[in-house]
Structures are given as C-alpha cells and as structure tokens.
C-alpha atoms as a PDB file:
ATOM      1  CA  MET A   1      89.961  99.947  75.679  1.00  0.00           C
ATOM      2  CA  LYS A   2      89.408 100.236  79.432  1.00  0.00           C
ATOM      3  CA  ARG A   3      92.201  99.471  81.700  1.00  0.00           C
ATOM      4  CA  PRO A   4      91.358  96.348  83.743  1.00  0.00           C
ATOM      5  CA  ARG A   5      90.477  96.993  87.366  1.00  0.00           C
ATOM      6  CA  SER A   6      93.240  96.019  89.730  1.00  0.00           C
ATOM      7  CA  GLU A   7      93.776  95.927  93.457  1.00  0.00           C
ATOM      8  CA  THR A   8      97.541  96.400  93.132  1.00  0.00           C
ATOM      9  CA  VAL A   9      98.982  99.421  91.303  1.00  0.00           C
ATOM     10  CA  ALA A  10     102.621 100.114  90.771  1.00  0.00           C
ATOM     11  CA  THR A  11     103.682 103.408  92.328  1.00  0.00           C
ATOM     12  CA  PRO A  12     104.889 105.794  89.558  1.00  0.00           C
ATOM     13  CA  VAL A  13     108.136 107.660  89.901  1.00  0.00           C
ATOM     14  CA  LEU A  14     107.448 111.096  91.384  1.00  0.00           C
ATOM     15  CA  PRO A  15     109.534 114.256  91.078  1.00  0.00           C
ATOM     16  CA  GLU A  16     112.149 114.425  93.864  1.00  0.00           C
ATOM     17  CA  ALA A  17     110.871 117.781  95.131  1.00  0.00           C
ATOM     18  CA  VAL A  18     107.306 116.486  95.457  1.00  0.00           C
ATOM     19  CA  VAL A  19     108.523 113.464  97.437  1.00  0.00           C
ATOM     20  CA  SER A  20     110.775 115.451  99.791  1.00  0.00           C
ATOM     21  CA  ASP A  21     108.409 118.442 100.240  1.00  0.00           C
ATOM     22  CA  TRP A  22     105.031 116.722 100.409  1.00  0.00           C
ATOM     23  CA  LEU A  23     105.069 112.925 100.509  1.00  0.00           C
ATOM     24  CA  GLN A  24     107.969 111.864 102.685  1.00  0.00           C
ATOM     25  CA  PRO A  25     107.069 113.987 105.750  1.00  0.00           C
ATOM     26  CA  PHE A  26     103.564 112.475 105.582  1.00  0.00           C
ATOM     27  CA  LEU A  27     104.942 108.891 105.268  1.00  0.00           C
ATOM     28  CA  ASP A  28     107.318 109.446 108.165  1.00  0.00           C
ATOM     29  CA  TYR A  29     104.324 110.651 110.297  1.00  0.00           C
ATOM     30  CA  LEU A  30     102.382 107.495 109.401  1.00  0.00           C
ATOM     31  CA  GLU A  31     105.292 105.188 110.200  1.00  0.00           C
ATOM     32  CA  LYS A  32     106.827 106.862 113.237  1.00  0.00           C
ATOM     33  CA  GLU A  33     103.900 108.552 114.995  1.00  0.00           C
ATOM     34  CA  ARG A  34     100.878 106.576 113.871  1.00  0.00           C
ATOM     35  CA  ARG A  35     102.914 103.338 113.763  1.00  0.00           C
ATOM     36  CA  TYR A  36     101.222 102.088 110.623  1.00  0.00           C
ATOM     37  CA  SER A  37     102.529  98.901 109.057  1.00  0.00           C
ATOM     38  CA  ALA A  38     104.833  99.027 106.034  1.00  0.00           C
ATOM     39  CA  TYR A  39     102.012  97.603 103.950  1.00  0.00           C
ATOM     40  CA  THR A  40      99.627 100.440 104.948  1.00  0.00           C
ATOM     41  CA  VAL A  41     102.347 103.077 104.372  1.00  0.00           C
ATOM     42  CA  ARG A  42     102.947 101.680 100.895  1.00  0.00           C
ATOM     43  CA  ASN A  43      99.219 101.803 100.107  1.00  0.00           C
ATOM     44  CA  TYR A  44      99.045 105.436 101.251  1.00  0.00           C
ATOM     45  CA  SER A  45     102.054 106.225  99.068  1.00  0.00           C
ATOM     46  CA  GLN A  46     100.320 104.580  96.036  1.00  0.00           C
ATOM     47  CA  ALA A  47      97.158 106.577  96.695  1.00  0.00           C
ATOM     48  CA  PHE A  48      99.117 109.835  96.744  1.00  0.00           C
ATOM     49  CA  ALA A  49     101.118 108.948  93.646  1.00  0.00           C
ATOM     50  CA  ASP A  50      97.971 107.971  91.679  1.00  0.00           C
ATOM     51  CA  PHE A  51      96.305 111.309  92.632  1.00  0.00           C
ATOM     52  CA  TYR A  52      99.431 113.352  91.770  1.00  0.00           C
ATOM     53  CA  LEU A  53      99.550 111.617  88.325  1.00  0.00           C
ATOM     54  CA  TRP A  54      95.888 112.363  87.716  1.00  0.00           C
ATOM     55  CA  LEU A  55      96.464 116.045  88.578  1.00  0.00           C
ATOM     56  CA  THR A  56      99.547 116.534  86.401  1.00  0.00           C
ATOM     57  CA  GLN A  57      98.410 114.500  83.386  1.00  0.00           C
ATOM     58  CA  GLY A  58      94.747 115.573  83.396  1.00  0.00           C
ATOM     59  CA  LYS A  59      92.975 118.789  82.614  1.00  0.00           C
ATOM     60  CA  ARG A  60      94.744 120.764  85.413  1.00  0.00           C
ATOM     61  CA  GLY A  61      98.250 119.895  84.252  1.00  0.00           C
ATOM     62  CA  THR A  62      99.631 120.870  87.632  1.00  0.00           C
ATOM     63  CA  ALA A  63      99.613 119.673  91.213  1.00  0.00           C
ATOM     64  CA  ASP A  64      98.959 122.720  93.386  1.00  0.00           C
ATOM     65  CA  PHE A  65      97.744 121.039  96.598  1.00  0.00           C
ATOM     66  CA  THR A  66      96.915 124.400  98.175  1.00  0.00           C
ATOM     67  CA  ALA A  67      94.382 125.338  95.472  1.00  0.00           C
ATOM     68  CA  LEU A  68      92.246 122.182  95.129  1.00  0.00           C
ATOM     69  CA  THR A  69      88.483 122.382  95.524  1.00  0.00           C
ATOM     70  CA  PRO A  70      85.796 119.715  96.199  1.00  0.00           C
ATOM     71  CA  CYS A  71      84.931 119.984  92.538  1.00  0.00           C
ATOM     72  CA  ASP A  72      88.410 118.756  91.634  1.00  0.00           C
ATOM     73  CA  THR A  73      88.078 115.809  93.982  1.00  0.00           C
ATOM     74  CA  ARG A  74      84.661 114.849  92.653  1.00  0.00           C
ATOM     75  CA  ASP A  75      86.154 114.791  89.137  1.00  0.00           C
ATOM     76  CA  PHE A  76      88.925 112.540  90.350  1.00  0.00           C
ATOM     77  CA  ILE A  77      86.525 110.137  92.031  1.00  0.00           C
ATOM     78  CA  ILE A  78      84.326 109.936  88.888  1.00  0.00           C
ATOM     79  CA  GLU A  79      87.342 109.072  86.740  1.00  0.00           C
ATOM     80  CA  ALA A  80      88.876 106.766  89.335  1.00  0.00           C
ATOM     81  CA  GLN A  81      85.785 104.553  89.394  1.00  0.00           C
ATOM     82  CA  ARG A  82      86.749 103.354  85.913  1.00  0.00           C
ATOM     83  CA  ARG A  83      90.124 102.214  87.206  1.00  0.00           C
ATOM     84  CA  PHE A  84      89.530 100.893  90.686  1.00  0.00           C
ATOM     85  CA  LYS A  85      87.133  98.705  92.514  1.00  0.00           C
ATOM     86  CA  ARG A  86      84.925 100.522  95.035  1.00  0.00           C
ATOM     87  CA  ARG A  87      86.838  99.247  98.029  1.00  0.00           C
ATOM     88  CA  THR A  88      90.169 100.333  96.629  1.00  0.00           C
ATOM     89  CA  LEU A  89      88.692 103.777  95.778  1.00  0.00           C
ATOM     90  CA  HIS A  90      87.394 104.168  99.364  1.00  0.00           C
ATOM     91  CA  ASN A  91      90.880 103.266 100.686  1.00  0.00           C
ATOM     92  CA  HIS A  92      92.529 105.750  98.327  1.00  0.00           C
ATOM     93  CA  VAL A  93      90.195 108.594  99.356  1.00  0.00           C
ATOM     94  CA  SER A  94      90.723 107.743 103.000  1.00  0.00           C
ATOM     95  CA  ALA A  95      94.495 107.976 102.506  1.00  0.00           C
ATOM     96  CA  LEU A  96      94.235 111.331 100.638  1.00  0.00           C
ATOM     97  CA  ARG A  97      91.849 112.713 103.305  1.00  0.00           C
ATOM     98  CA  THR A  98      94.512 111.836 105.914  1.00  0.00           C
ATOM     99  CA  PHE A  99      97.196 113.400 103.784  1.00  0.00           C
ATOM    100  CA  PHE A 100      95.442 116.766 103.543  1.00  0.00           C
ATOM    101  CA  ARG A 101      94.464 116.644 107.239  1.00  0.00           C
ATOM    102  CA  PHE A 102      98.119 116.199 108.040  1.00  0.00           C
ATOM    103  CA  TRP A 103      99.151 119.294 106.074  1.00  0.00           C
ATOM    104  CA  MET A 104      96.153 121.334 107.421  1.00  0.00           C
ATOM    105  CA  GLN A 105      97.359 120.667 110.945  1.00  0.00           C
ATOM    106  CA  ARG A 106     100.763 122.032 109.907  1.00  0.00           C
ATOM    107  CA  GLY A 107      99.274 125.122 108.291  1.00  0.00           C
ATOM    108  CA  ARG A 108     100.342 124.326 104.803  1.00  0.00           C
ATOM    109  CA  VAL A 109      96.845 123.920 103.271  1.00  0.00           C
ATOM    110  CA  ARG A 110      93.742 125.759 104.402  1.00  0.00           C
ATOM    111  CA  GLU A 111      91.074 123.209 103.558  1.00  0.00           C
ATOM    112  CA  ASN A 112      90.677 119.462 103.085  1.00  0.00           C
ATOM    113  CA  PRO A 113      89.285 118.927  99.574  1.00  0.00           C
ATOM    114  CA  PHE A 114      88.410 115.331 100.366  1.00  0.00           C
ATOM    115  CA  ALA A 115      86.375 116.222 103.540  1.00  0.00           C
ATOM    116  CA  GLY A 116      82.767 115.080 102.993  1.00  0.00           C
ATOM    117  CA  VAL A 117      83.231 114.193  99.332  1.00  0.00           C
ATOM    118  CA  PRO A 118      80.550 111.647  98.231  1.00  0.00           C
ATOM    119  CA  LEU A 119      81.721 108.158  97.385  1.00  0.00           C
ATOM    120  CA  PRO A 120      79.995 105.215  95.650  1.00  0.00           C
ATOM    121  CA  LYS A 121      78.398 102.759  98.081  1.00  0.00           C
ATOM    122  CA  LEU A 122      80.448  99.718  98.932  1.00  0.00           C
ATOM    123  CA  GLU A 123      79.229  96.301  97.955  1.00  0.00           C
ATOM    124  CA  LYS A 124      78.164  94.335 101.037  1.00  0.00           C
ATOM    125  CA  ALA A 125      80.153  91.171 100.270  1.00  0.00           C
ATOM    126  CA  LEU A 126      80.139  88.466 102.942  1.00  0.00           C
ATOM    127  CA  PRO A 127      83.545  87.084 103.855  1.00  0.00           C
ATOM    128  CA  LYS A 128      84.521  83.826 102.312  1.00  0.00           C
ATOM    129  CA  PHE A 129      85.316  81.038 104.676  1.00  0.00           C
ATOM    130  CA  LEU A 130      85.898  77.270 104.841  1.00  0.00           C
ATOM    131  CA  THR A 131      83.527  74.809 106.553  1.00  0.00           C
ATOM    132  CA  GLU A 132      84.905  72.772 109.439  1.00  0.00           C
ATOM    133  CA  ALA A 133      85.053  69.726 107.113  1.00  0.00           C
ATOM    134  CA  GLN A 134      86.990  71.716 104.502  1.00  0.00           C
ATOM    135  CA  MET A 135      89.336  73.084 107.172  1.00  0.00           C
ATOM    136  CA  THR A 136      90.078  69.479 108.382  1.00  0.00           C
ATOM    137  CA  LEU A 137      90.888  68.446 104.816  1.00  0.00           C
ATOM    138  CA  LEU A 138      93.099  71.505 104.236  1.00  0.00           C
ATOM    139  CA  LEU A 139      95.016  71.018 107.521  1.00  0.00           C
ATOM    140  CA  SER A 140      95.697  67.368 106.705  1.00  0.00           C
ATOM    141  CA  GLY A 141      97.569  68.286 103.473  1.00  0.00           C
ATOM    142  CA  PRO A 142     101.126  68.478 104.853  1.00  0.00           C
ATOM    143  CA  THR A 143     100.767  65.162 106.680  1.00  0.00           C
ATOM    144  CA  ARG A 144      99.405  63.484 103.520  1.00  0.00           C
ATOM    145  CA  LEU A 145     102.366  64.701 101.482  1.00  0.00           C
ATOM    146  CA  LEU A 146     104.773  63.535 104.184  1.00  0.00           C
ATOM    147  CA  GLN A 147     103.182  60.101 104.213  1.00  0.00           C
ATOM    148  CA  ASN A 148     103.360  59.920 100.452  1.00  0.00           C
ATOM    149  CA  GLU A 149     107.038  60.874 100.689  1.00  0.00           C
ATOM    150  CA  THR A 150     106.523  63.782  98.304  1.00  0.00           C
ATOM    151  CA  LEU A 151     107.603  66.336 100.907  1.00  0.00           C
ATOM    152  CA  ASP A 152     110.498  66.364 103.386  1.00  0.00           C
ATOM    153  CA  ALA A 153     109.768  66.268 107.108  1.00  0.00           C
ATOM    154  CA  LEU A 154     110.987  69.839 107.858  1.00  0.00           C
ATOM    155  CA  SER A 155     108.776  71.393 105.162  1.00  0.00           C
ATOM    156  CA  ALA A 156     105.776  69.245 106.051  1.00  0.00           C
ATOM    157  CA  TRP A 157     105.842  70.164 109.786  1.00  0.00           C
ATOM    158  CA  ARG A 158     106.581  73.791 108.975  1.00  0.00           C
ATOM    159  CA  ASP A 159     103.656  73.944 106.524  1.00  0.00           C
ATOM    160  CA  ARG A 160     101.390  72.314 109.040  1.00  0.00           C
ATOM    161  CA  LEU A 161     102.522  74.837 111.627  1.00  0.00           C
ATOM    162  CA  VAL A 162     101.701  77.723 109.308  1.00  0.00           C
ATOM    163  CA  LEU A 163      98.175  76.407 108.667  1.00  0.00           C
ATOM    164  CA  GLU A 164      97.549  75.573 112.309  1.00  0.00           C
ATOM    165  CA  LEU A 165      98.609  79.033 113.507  1.00  0.00           C
ATOM    166  CA  LEU A 166      96.528  80.853 110.901  1.00  0.00           C
ATOM    167  CA  TYR A 167      93.419  78.895 111.795  1.00  0.00           C
ATOM    168  CA  GLY A 168      94.099  77.998 115.463  1.00  0.00           C
ATOM    169  CA  GLY A 169      95.168  81.522 116.401  1.00  0.00           C
ATOM    170  CA  GLY A 170      93.256  83.567 113.852  1.00  0.00           C
ATOM    171  CA  LEU A 171      96.503  85.362 112.940  1.00  0.00           C
ATOM    172  CA  ARG A 172      96.958  87.711 110.086  1.00  0.00           C
ATOM    173  CA  VAL A 173      99.739  86.647 107.658  1.00  0.00           C
ATOM    174  CA  SER A 174     101.849  89.665 108.707  1.00  0.00           C
ATOM    175  CA  GLU A 175     101.407  88.687 112.384  1.00  0.00           C
ATOM    176  CA  LEU A 176     102.353  85.052 111.584  1.00  0.00           C
ATOM    177  CA  VAL A 177     105.665  85.821 109.828  1.00  0.00           C
ATOM    178  CA  ALA A 178     106.605  88.401 112.534  1.00  0.00           C
ATOM    179  CA  LEU A 179     106.034  85.945 115.380  1.00  0.00           C
ATOM    180  CA  ASN A 180     109.172  85.174 117.408  1.00  0.00           C
ATOM    181  CA  TYR A 181     109.687  82.469 120.001  1.00  0.00           C
ATOM    182  CA  GLY A 182     109.995  85.112 122.707  1.00  0.00           C
ATOM    183  CA  SER A 183     106.395  86.099 122.127  1.00  0.00           C
ATOM    184  CA  VAL A 184     105.049  82.596 122.678  1.00  0.00           C
ATOM    185  CA  ASP A 185     104.011  81.401 126.183  1.00  0.00           C
ATOM    186  CA  PHE A 186     104.308  77.586 125.817  1.00  0.00           C
ATOM    187  CA  SER A 187     102.848  76.933 129.299  1.00  0.00           C
ATOM    188  CA  ALA A 188      99.746  79.085 128.603  1.00  0.00           C
ATOM    189  CA  GLY A 189      99.363  78.065 124.971  1.00  0.00           C
ATOM    190  CA  SER A 190      99.221  81.662 123.768  1.00  0.00           C
ATOM    191  CA  ALA A 191     101.221  84.339 121.972  1.00  0.00           C
ATOM    192  CA  ARG A 192     101.685  88.106 122.196  1.00  0.00           C
ATOM    193  CA  VAL A 193     100.877  89.447 118.775  1.00  0.00           C
ATOM    194  CA  LEU A 194     101.505  92.906 117.349  1.00  0.00           C
ATOM    195  CA  GLY A 195      98.551  93.730 115.057  1.00  0.00           C
ATOM    196  CA  LYS A 196      97.288  96.687 113.088  1.00  0.00           C
ATOM    197  CA  GLY A 197      98.222 100.050 114.470  1.00  0.00           C
ATOM    198  CA  ARG A 198     100.988  98.408 116.538  1.00  0.00           C
ATOM    199  CA  LYS A 199      98.273  97.218 119.001  1.00  0.00           C
ATOM    200  CA  GLU A 200      99.342  94.213 121.064  1.00  0.00           C
ATOM    201  CA  ARG A 201      96.946  91.416 121.972  1.00  0.00           C
ATOM    202  CA  ILE A 202      97.131  87.944 123.486  1.00  0.00           C
ATOM    203  CA  CYS A 203      96.079  85.098 121.155  1.00  0.00           C
ATOM    204  CA  PRO A 204      95.292  81.626 122.396  1.00  0.00           C
ATOM    205  CA  LEU A 205      96.812  79.264 119.837  1.00  0.00           C
ATOM    206  CA  GLY A 206      95.064  76.070 120.646  1.00  0.00           C
ATOM    207  CA  ALA A 207      96.383  72.711 121.851  1.00  0.00           C
ATOM    208  CA  VAL A 208      96.996  71.309 118.325  1.00  0.00           C
ATOM    209  CA  ALA A 209      98.928  74.346 117.128  1.00  0.00           C
ATOM    210  CA  MET A 210     101.057  74.377 120.275  1.00  0.00           C
ATOM    211  CA  ALA A 211     101.864  70.627 119.891  1.00  0.00           C
ATOM    212  CA  VAL A 212     102.927  71.198 116.261  1.00  0.00           C
ATOM    213  CA  MET A 213     105.034  74.212 117.285  1.00  0.00           C
ATOM    214  CA  LYS A 214     106.813  72.324 120.045  1.00  0.00           C
ATOM    215  CA  LYS A 215     107.616  69.404 117.684  1.00  0.00           C
ATOM    216  CA  PHE A 216     108.943  71.813 114.981  1.00  0.00           C
ATOM    217  CA  ARG A 217     110.995  73.729 117.538  1.00  0.00           C
ATOM    218  CA  ASP A 218     112.468  70.598 119.150  1.00  0.00           C
ATOM    219  CA  GLU A 219     113.136  68.552 116.020  1.00  0.00           C
ATOM    220  CA  PHE A 220     113.578  70.979 113.036  1.00  0.00           C
ATOM    221  CA  ALA A 221     114.325  74.568 114.176  1.00  0.00           C
ATOM    222  CA  ARG A 222     118.003  75.487 113.988  1.00  0.00           C
ATOM    223  CA  ASN A 223     117.491  78.402 116.436  1.00  0.00           C
ATOM    224  CA  SER A 224     114.737  79.085 118.943  1.00  0.00           C
ATOM    225  CA  ALA A 225     116.069  82.049 120.954  1.00  0.00           C
ATOM    226  CA  PRO A 226     113.493  84.766 121.946  1.00  0.00           C
ATOM    227  CA  THR A 227     114.348  86.864 118.869  1.00  0.00           C
ATOM    228  CA  ASP A 228     114.237  83.927 116.411  1.00  0.00           C
ATOM    229  CA  PRO A 229     111.230  83.564 114.055  1.00  0.00           C
ATOM    230  CA  VAL A 230     108.790  80.713 114.643  1.00  0.00           C
ATOM    231  CA  VAL A 231     108.035  80.230 110.917  1.00  0.00           C
ATOM    232  CA  VAL A 232     111.092  79.795 108.737  1.00  0.00           C
ATOM    233  CA  THR A 233     112.131  78.756 105.272  1.00  0.00           C
ATOM    234  CA  LYS A 234     114.197  75.642 104.569  1.00  0.00           C
ATOM    235  CA  ALA A 235     117.272  77.919 104.851  1.00  0.00           C
ATOM    236  CA  HIS A 236     116.029  78.856 108.401  1.00  0.00           C
ATOM    237  CA  GLN A 237     115.323  82.439 107.418  1.00  0.00           C
ATOM    238  CA  ARG A 238     112.129  84.282 108.431  1.00  0.00           C
ATOM    239  CA  MET A 239     109.388  83.241 106.013  1.00  0.00           C
ATOM    240  CA  PRO A 240     108.088  86.079 103.765  1.00  0.00           C
ATOM    241  CA  VAL A 241     104.427  86.778 103.274  1.00  0.00           C
ATOM    242  CA  ARG A 242     104.568  85.696  99.632  1.00  0.00           C
ATOM    243  CA  ALA A 243     105.844  82.244 100.586  1.00  0.00           C
ATOM    244  CA  VAL A 244     102.857  81.793 102.920  1.00  0.00           C
ATOM    245  CA  GLN A 245     100.490  82.736 100.114  1.00  0.00           C
ATOM    246  CA  LEU A 246     102.083  80.251  97.728  1.00  0.00           C
ATOM    247  CA  LEU A 247     101.974  77.587 100.434  1.00  0.00           C
ATOM    248  CA  MET A 248      98.265  78.184 100.811  1.00  0.00           C
ATOM    249  CA  LYS A 249      97.680  77.769  97.092  1.00  0.00           C
ATOM    250  CA  LYS A 250      99.523  74.410  97.087  1.00  0.00           C
ATOM    251  CA  TYR A 251      97.318  72.945  99.820  1.00  0.00           C
ATOM    252  CA  LEU A 252      94.123  74.406  98.331  1.00  0.00           C
ATOM    253  CA  ALA A 253      94.878  72.545  95.132  1.00  0.00           C
ATOM    254  CA  LEU A 254      95.643  69.337  97.082  1.00  0.00           C
ATOM    255  CA  ALA A 255      92.336  69.524  98.857  1.00  0.00           C
ATOM    256  CA  ASP A 256      90.444  70.444  95.646  1.00  0.00           C
ATOM    257  CA  LEU A 257      89.296  73.707  97.274  1.00  0.00           C
ATOM    258  CA  PRO A 258      88.652  77.108  95.499  1.00  0.00           C
ATOM    259  CA  MET A 259      92.053  78.623  94.478  1.00  0.00           C
ATOM    260  CA  ASP A 260      90.899  82.202  95.072  1.00  0.00           C
ATOM    261  CA  LEU A 261      90.970  81.617  98.877  1.00  0.00           C
ATOM    262  CA  SER A 262      93.797  83.448 100.590  1.00  0.00           C
ATOM    263  CA  PRO A 263      95.507  82.810 103.937  1.00  0.00           C
ATOM    264  CA  HIS A 264      93.296  85.561 105.398  1.00  0.00           C
ATOM    265  CA  LYS A 265      90.252  83.315 104.745  1.00  0.00           C
ATOM    266  CA  LEU A 266      91.543  81.031 107.511  1.00  0.00           C
ATOM    267  CA  ARG A 267      91.086  83.971 109.871  1.00  0.00           C
ATOM    268  CA  HIS A 268      87.564  84.318 108.532  1.00  0.00           C
ATOM    269  CA  SER A 269      86.991  80.617 109.157  1.00  0.00           C
ATOM    270  CA  TYR A 270      88.423  80.923 112.692  1.00  0.00           C
ATOM    271  CA  ALA A 271      85.969  83.735 113.575  1.00  0.00           C
ATOM    272  CA  THR A 272      82.976  82.039 111.919  1.00  0.00           C
ATOM    273  CA  HIS A 273      83.570  78.713 113.632  1.00  0.00           C
ATOM    274  CA  LEU A 274      83.975  80.381 116.999  1.00  0.00           C
ATOM    275  CA  LEU A 275      80.648  82.237 116.651  1.00  0.00           C
ATOM    276  CA  ASN A 276      78.946  79.120 115.376  1.00  0.00           C
ATOM    277  CA  SER A 277      79.993  77.297 118.540  1.00  0.00           C
ATOM    278  CA  GLY A 278      78.531  80.032 120.764  1.00  0.00           C
ATOM    279  CA  ALA A 279      81.482  82.345 121.425  1.00  0.00           C
ATOM    280  CA  ASP A 280      80.523  85.873 122.493  1.00  0.00           C
ATOM    281  CA  LEU A 281      80.883  88.478 119.770  1.00  0.00           C
ATOM    282  CA  ARG A 282      82.901  90.817 121.973  1.00  0.00           C
ATOM    283  CA  VAL A 283      85.291  88.023 122.904  1.00  0.00           C
ATOM    284  CA  VAL A 284      85.836  87.244 119.211  1.00  0.00           C
ATOM    285  CA  GLN A 285      86.438  90.954 118.663  1.00  0.00           C
ATOM    286  CA  GLU A 286      89.237  90.889 121.247  1.00  0.00           C
ATOM    287  CA  LEU A 287      90.703  87.683 119.772  1.00  0.00           C
ATOM    288  CA  LEU A 288      90.810  89.175 116.295  1.00  0.00           C
ATOM    289  CA  GLY A 289      92.153  92.542 117.476  1.00  0.00           C
ATOM    290  CA  HIS A 290      89.371  94.546 115.853  1.00  0.00           C
ATOM    291  CA  ALA A 291      89.078  98.131 117.019  1.00  0.00           C
ATOM    292  CA  SER A 292      85.332  98.228 116.211  1.00  0.00           C
ATOM    293  CA  LEU A 293      82.671  95.647 116.934  1.00  0.00           C
ATOM    294  CA  THR A 294      81.115  96.526 113.566  1.00  0.00           C
ATOM    295  CA  THR A 295      84.118  94.919 111.817  1.00  0.00           C
ATOM    296  CA  THR A 296      83.558  91.640 113.773  1.00  0.00           C
ATOM    297  CA  GLN A 297      79.886  91.583 113.047  1.00  0.00           C
ATOM    298  CA  ILE A 298      80.492  90.596 109.422  1.00  0.00           C
ATOM    299  CA  TYR A 299      81.246  87.066 110.716  1.00  0.00           C
ATOM    300  CA  THR A 300      77.783  86.615 112.275  1.00  0.00           C
ATOM    301  CA  HIS A 301      76.253  85.666 108.863  1.00  0.00           C
ATOM    302  CA  THR A 302      76.265  81.899 109.424  1.00  0.00           C
ATOM    303  CA  SER A 303      75.771  82.209 113.177  1.00  0.00           C
ATOM    304  CA  VAL A 304      72.438  84.002 112.595  1.00  0.00           C
ATOM    305  CA  ALA A 305      71.331  81.251 110.161  1.00  0.00           C
ATOM    306  CA  ARG A 306      72.261  78.606 112.757  1.00  0.00           C
ATOM    307  CA  LEU A 307      70.366  80.456 115.482  1.00  0.00           C
ATOM    308  CA  LYS A 308      67.233  80.540 113.261  1.00  0.00           C
ATOM    309  CA  GLU A 309      67.577  76.838 112.639  1.00  0.00           C
ATOM    310  CA  ILE A 310      67.786  76.167 116.369  1.00  0.00           C
ATOM    311  CA  TYR A 311      64.871  78.497 117.038  1.00  0.00           C
ATOM    312  CA  GLY A 312      62.737  76.807 114.359  1.00  0.00           C
ATOM    313  CA  LYS A 313      63.307  73.404 115.993  1.00  0.00           C
ATOM    314  CA  ALA A 314      62.964  74.455 119.633  1.00  0.00           C
ATOM    315  CA  HIS A 315      60.414  77.292 119.939  1.00  0.00           C
ATOM    316  CA  PRO A 316      56.718  76.354 120.108  1.00  0.00           C
ATOM    317  CA  ARG A 317      55.780  79.518 118.117  1.00  0.00           C
ATOM    318  CA  ALA A 318      58.355  79.067 115.394  1.00  0.00           C
END
C-alpha cells in the first residue's frame, strides 16, 4: 500500500557523526549567515534527513556524499514522487542543491549532483482567497461571539486584532506573532516587519486594525513596552503560530466558510483586493515583501478578469 502523500514529514534520527560532520555546519550557515527562519531551517533539515535515509536504506546502502552522480539523484526524484507532492519535492531538491553547493564552496565535494537535474512540472494552482463579503463576515466573528456572551472581552478583541492584522496588513503568521509594540508606529498607522530572509519592510496596517490595536493595548494588554508582543494569549504570553491557526479554524466554522483556508489565505485576500481596487502591482510587491515580481503576479487572476469586464462595457470595439 502506498504511503499517503504528506506536506509534513517527521525528521528521522540521524547518526551523530553525520549531523556533526555534514548537517549542522550547513544549518548553522543557513541560520547565521543566510538568516533563514527557523521554519525554513527545519524544512532543509528534513530534506537532508529524507535523502540520507533514502541513500542508506535503498540500493546504495551507504551515504557517501562525495561519490554521488546525477543518475543517483534522478533515481531519488523518481522514487520521491510517490511520497511527496510536486511542490514539496521541488522544495526538497532546492534544499539539497543548496546543501551540496555549500560543501562544494568549502572543497569537500567536487560536483553538485542536484545541479540541473530534471523535475516534474509544478501544477499552476491559483491562490485561494476570500471575497470582500466573505472577509467582512469572517472579521465580524469575534464581535458576534462577544455580543452573544460566548467569548470573554479580552479574547474577542485579541481575536479581532489577529484577523485585522492578517488582512489589514497582509502579514504572514510568523510576522504577526513576532510583532512587538516597539515596531508599531501608532501615529503613522504602520509597522516595521521582519519578513523572509530577515528583510525588513514597512507595512501600513489600516485605520481599523490600528483602532483595534489601540483598544486592545489600552484596555486588555498587561504590558506594552517596546519589546512586548502585540498578540498574546490569555496568560499574556506571545501567541504561538499554532494558536493563530486554530483561531482561524474557529472563525471559518462560525462564518460557514471552507475549513481548508489557512491564515495565509488572508494575505492572499489582502493582495487580491488591493489589485482589484487598482493598486499598482509593484506597490503590492513591496507591501507583501516579495523579492520577485513574478511571485506577486499570481494575485492578478481576478484583477485581469475584472479588467476584461470593464473593457467589455467601456470599449466601443469590445
């Protein structure tokens, strides 16, 4: 029976010598020099561990990283397609390509066996997002529960703050939970956010999100010093990513919206609604903190449809 495809794979326990000699120096480089997030470093570690396991338990029976060939890597990719989705496989190969490039630069391996290796084409899936009406319904959830007296005031305003910041600022969940009061400019209505690759950007948060944040700070926050987190649990500790994900599920259910939508889909909605309202693509790129304009262009799907509709109604030759 085939193992079900999964996006999350537990990292197997590796021999101590392999970790200290090969993996840990690479992970230290990613974290300290490339300044990758803990989430990315963990994914690279998983990719390495999966490849090591394949080498040692497969036909080779050994993991001699200095003697691998493109033929070996092609065999790995063919077998890995039965275990991973295409996007995950691409990410794993990218991690392994970086791993071997790291050791090539340090003279430990002569060639990168993952350089130029063919990969299956990625599915061109459009990002899921909520309509403006659906967003309004989702954002009203905490207030509705407070009015029904099924949620305490602190939790209701905190939950509303979470949703408003994800949508009003287009923040990633990791950026949201890392946000401190010292990074918020209350007079300008913006925040300094540390995104992927430790790149800092300024995010306008919107008047509604700022009003909710001020109320939460003034009436419910125990501490609001520059180093204190904006989003906290009921125990006034920094809110973990998992808690935000569970919070999202609760309000999706309340609004009778698809349960497979994640907090990141509010970022998709943020970008789509900006473009639909005429925002410049490069401005949206800056707001999202995308390194490449190509990444931002995936959000133009509904904007193009809207432009065609306007063209059809307005142009005499349409």
